[in-house]
């Protein structure tokens, strides 16, 4: 649960170039990443979802889709 009491999940994003990290609501994720990268890094994809979280999400998607199951 986020600090303001909203039940929407938040996602950690990091920018190693700026040395910053924050959490944003899932519904704002794409806009926040695009805005940061556009205004701070001339559109270069410097800010991104925390790599550990991104890897875990990818694992869950693969598992959910059954891509690792034997046929």
C-alpha atoms as a PDB file:
ATOM      1  CA  UNK A   1       0.000   0.000   0.000  1.00  0.00           C
ATOM      2  CA  UNK A   2       1.344   3.461  -0.772  1.00  0.00           C
ATOM      3  CA  UNK A   3       1.886   6.146   1.842  1.00  0.00           C
ATOM      4  CA  UNK A   4      -1.192   8.176   0.896  1.00  0.00           C
ATOM      5  CA  UNK A   5      -3.542   5.271   1.569  1.00  0.00           C
ATOM      6  CA  UNK A   6      -4.230   4.536  -2.098  1.00  0.00           C
ATOM      7  CA  UNK A   7      -4.328   0.800  -2.816  1.00  0.00           C
ATOM      8  CA  UNK A   8      -2.630   1.135  -6.211  1.00  0.00           C
ATOM      9  CA  UNK A   9       0.751  -0.643  -6.278  1.00  0.00           C
ATOM     10  CA  UNK A  10       3.882   1.416  -6.749  1.00  0.00           C
ATOM     11  CA  UNK A  11       6.917   0.483  -8.799  1.00  0.00           C
ATOM     12  CA  UNK A  12      10.502   1.485  -7.988  1.00  0.00           C
ATOM     13  CA  UNK A  13      12.347   3.352 -10.711  1.00  0.00           C
ATOM     14  CA  UNK A  14      16.030   4.226 -10.690  1.00  0.00           C
ATOM     15  CA  UNK A  15      18.247   6.579 -12.635  1.00  0.00           C
ATOM     16  CA  UNK A  16      21.917   5.769 -12.200  1.00  0.00           C
ATOM     17  CA  UNK A  17      22.950   8.865 -14.182  1.00  0.00           C
ATOM     18  CA  UNK A  18      21.137  11.162 -11.730  1.00  0.00           C
ATOM     19  CA  UNK A  19      21.755   8.952  -8.716  1.00  0.00           C
ATOM     20  CA  UNK A  20      18.048   8.975  -7.901  1.00  0.00           C
ATOM     21  CA  UNK A  21      15.364   6.455  -7.138  1.00  0.00           C
ATOM     22  CA  UNK A  22      11.673   6.779  -6.403  1.00  0.00           C
ATOM     23  CA  UNK A  23       8.435   4.827  -6.393  1.00  0.00           C
ATOM     24  CA  UNK A  24       5.581   5.747  -8.709  1.00  0.00           C
ATOM     25  CA  UNK A  25       2.050   4.406  -9.034  1.00  0.00           C
ATOM     26  CA  UNK A  26       1.850   1.650 -11.625  1.00  0.00           C
ATOM     27  CA  UNK A  27      -0.653   3.652 -13.686  1.00  0.00           C
ATOM     28  CA  UNK A  28       1.852   6.550 -13.968  1.00  0.00           C
ATOM     29  CA  UNK A  29       4.946   4.444 -14.649  1.00  0.00           C
ATOM     30  CA  UNK A  30       5.291   4.897 -18.412  1.00  0.00           C
ATOM     31  CA  UNK A  31       4.560   8.634 -18.272  1.00  0.00           C
ATOM     32  CA  UNK A  32       6.990   9.234 -15.405  1.00  0.00           C
ATOM     33  CA  UNK A  33       9.807   7.333 -17.105  1.00  0.00           C
ATOM     34  CA  UNK A  34       9.242   9.108 -20.398  1.00  0.00           C
ATOM     35  CA  UNK A  35       9.030  12.535 -18.762  1.00  0.00           C
ATOM     36  CA  UNK A  36      12.211  12.038 -16.718  1.00  0.00           C
ATOM     37  CA  UNK A  37      14.196  10.703 -19.652  1.00  0.00           C
ATOM     38  CA  UNK A  38      12.934  13.410 -22.008  1.00  0.00           C
ATOM     39  CA  UNK A  39      13.554  16.355 -19.655  1.00  0.00           C
ATOM     40  CA  UNK A  40      16.760  15.181 -17.958  1.00  0.00           C
ATOM     41  CA  UNK A  41      18.490  13.029 -20.565  1.00  0.00           C
ATOM     42  CA  UNK A  42      17.344  14.300 -23.989  1.00  0.00           C
ATOM     43  CA  UNK A  43      15.197  11.198 -24.476  1.00  0.00           C
ATOM     44  CA  UNK A  44      17.946   8.680 -23.680  1.00  0.00           C
ATOM     45  CA  UNK A  45      16.557   5.823 -21.566  1.00  0.00           C
ATOM     46  CA  UNK A  46      18.544   6.476 -18.387  1.00  0.00           C
ATOM     47  CA  UNK A  47      15.742   6.033 -15.836  1.00  0.00           C
ATOM     48  CA  UNK A  48      14.128   2.611 -15.744  1.00  0.00           C
ATOM     49  CA  UNK A  49      12.255   0.171 -13.574  1.00  0.00           C
ATOM     50  CA  UNK A  50      14.519  -1.214 -10.864  1.00  0.00           C
ATOM     51  CA  UNK A  51      16.277  -4.115 -12.646  1.00  0.00           C
ATOM     52  CA  UNK A  52      15.559  -6.621  -9.863  1.00  0.00           C
ATOM     53  CA  UNK A  53      11.844  -5.851 -10.082  1.00  0.00           C
ATOM     54  CA  UNK A  54      11.866  -5.940 -13.885  1.00  0.00           C
ATOM     55  CA  UNK A  55      13.529  -9.377 -13.818  1.00  0.00           C
ATOM     56  CA  UNK A  56      10.991 -10.693 -11.311  1.00  0.00           C
ATOM     57  CA  UNK A  57       8.078  -9.375 -13.402  1.00  0.00           C
ATOM     58  CA  UNK A  58       9.536 -11.067 -16.497  1.00  0.00           C
ATOM     59  CA  UNK A  59       9.846 -14.335 -14.573  1.00  0.00           C
ATOM     60  CA  UNK A  60       6.220 -14.122 -13.446  1.00  0.00           C
ATOM     61  CA  UNK A  61       5.013 -13.437 -16.987  1.00  0.00           C
ATOM     62  CA  UNK A  62       6.952 -16.408 -18.376  1.00  0.00           C
ATOM     63  CA  UNK A  63       5.595 -18.616 -15.606  1.00  0.00           C
ATOM     64  CA  UNK A  64       2.032 -17.354 -16.077  1.00  0.00           C
ATOM     65  CA  UNK A  65       2.183 -17.936 -19.828  1.00  0.00           C
ATOM     66  CA  UNK A  66       3.494 -21.466 -19.283  1.00  0.00           C
ATOM     67  CA  UNK A  67       6.482 -20.872 -21.545  1.00  0.00           C
ATOM     68  CA  UNK A  68       8.747 -23.115 -19.476  1.00  0.00           C
ATOM     69  CA  UNK A  69       6.363 -26.055 -19.252  1.00  0.00           C
ATOM     70  CA  UNK A  70       7.173 -29.233 -21.162  1.00  0.00           C
ATOM     71  CA  UNK A  71       4.799 -29.976 -23.985  1.00  0.00           C
END
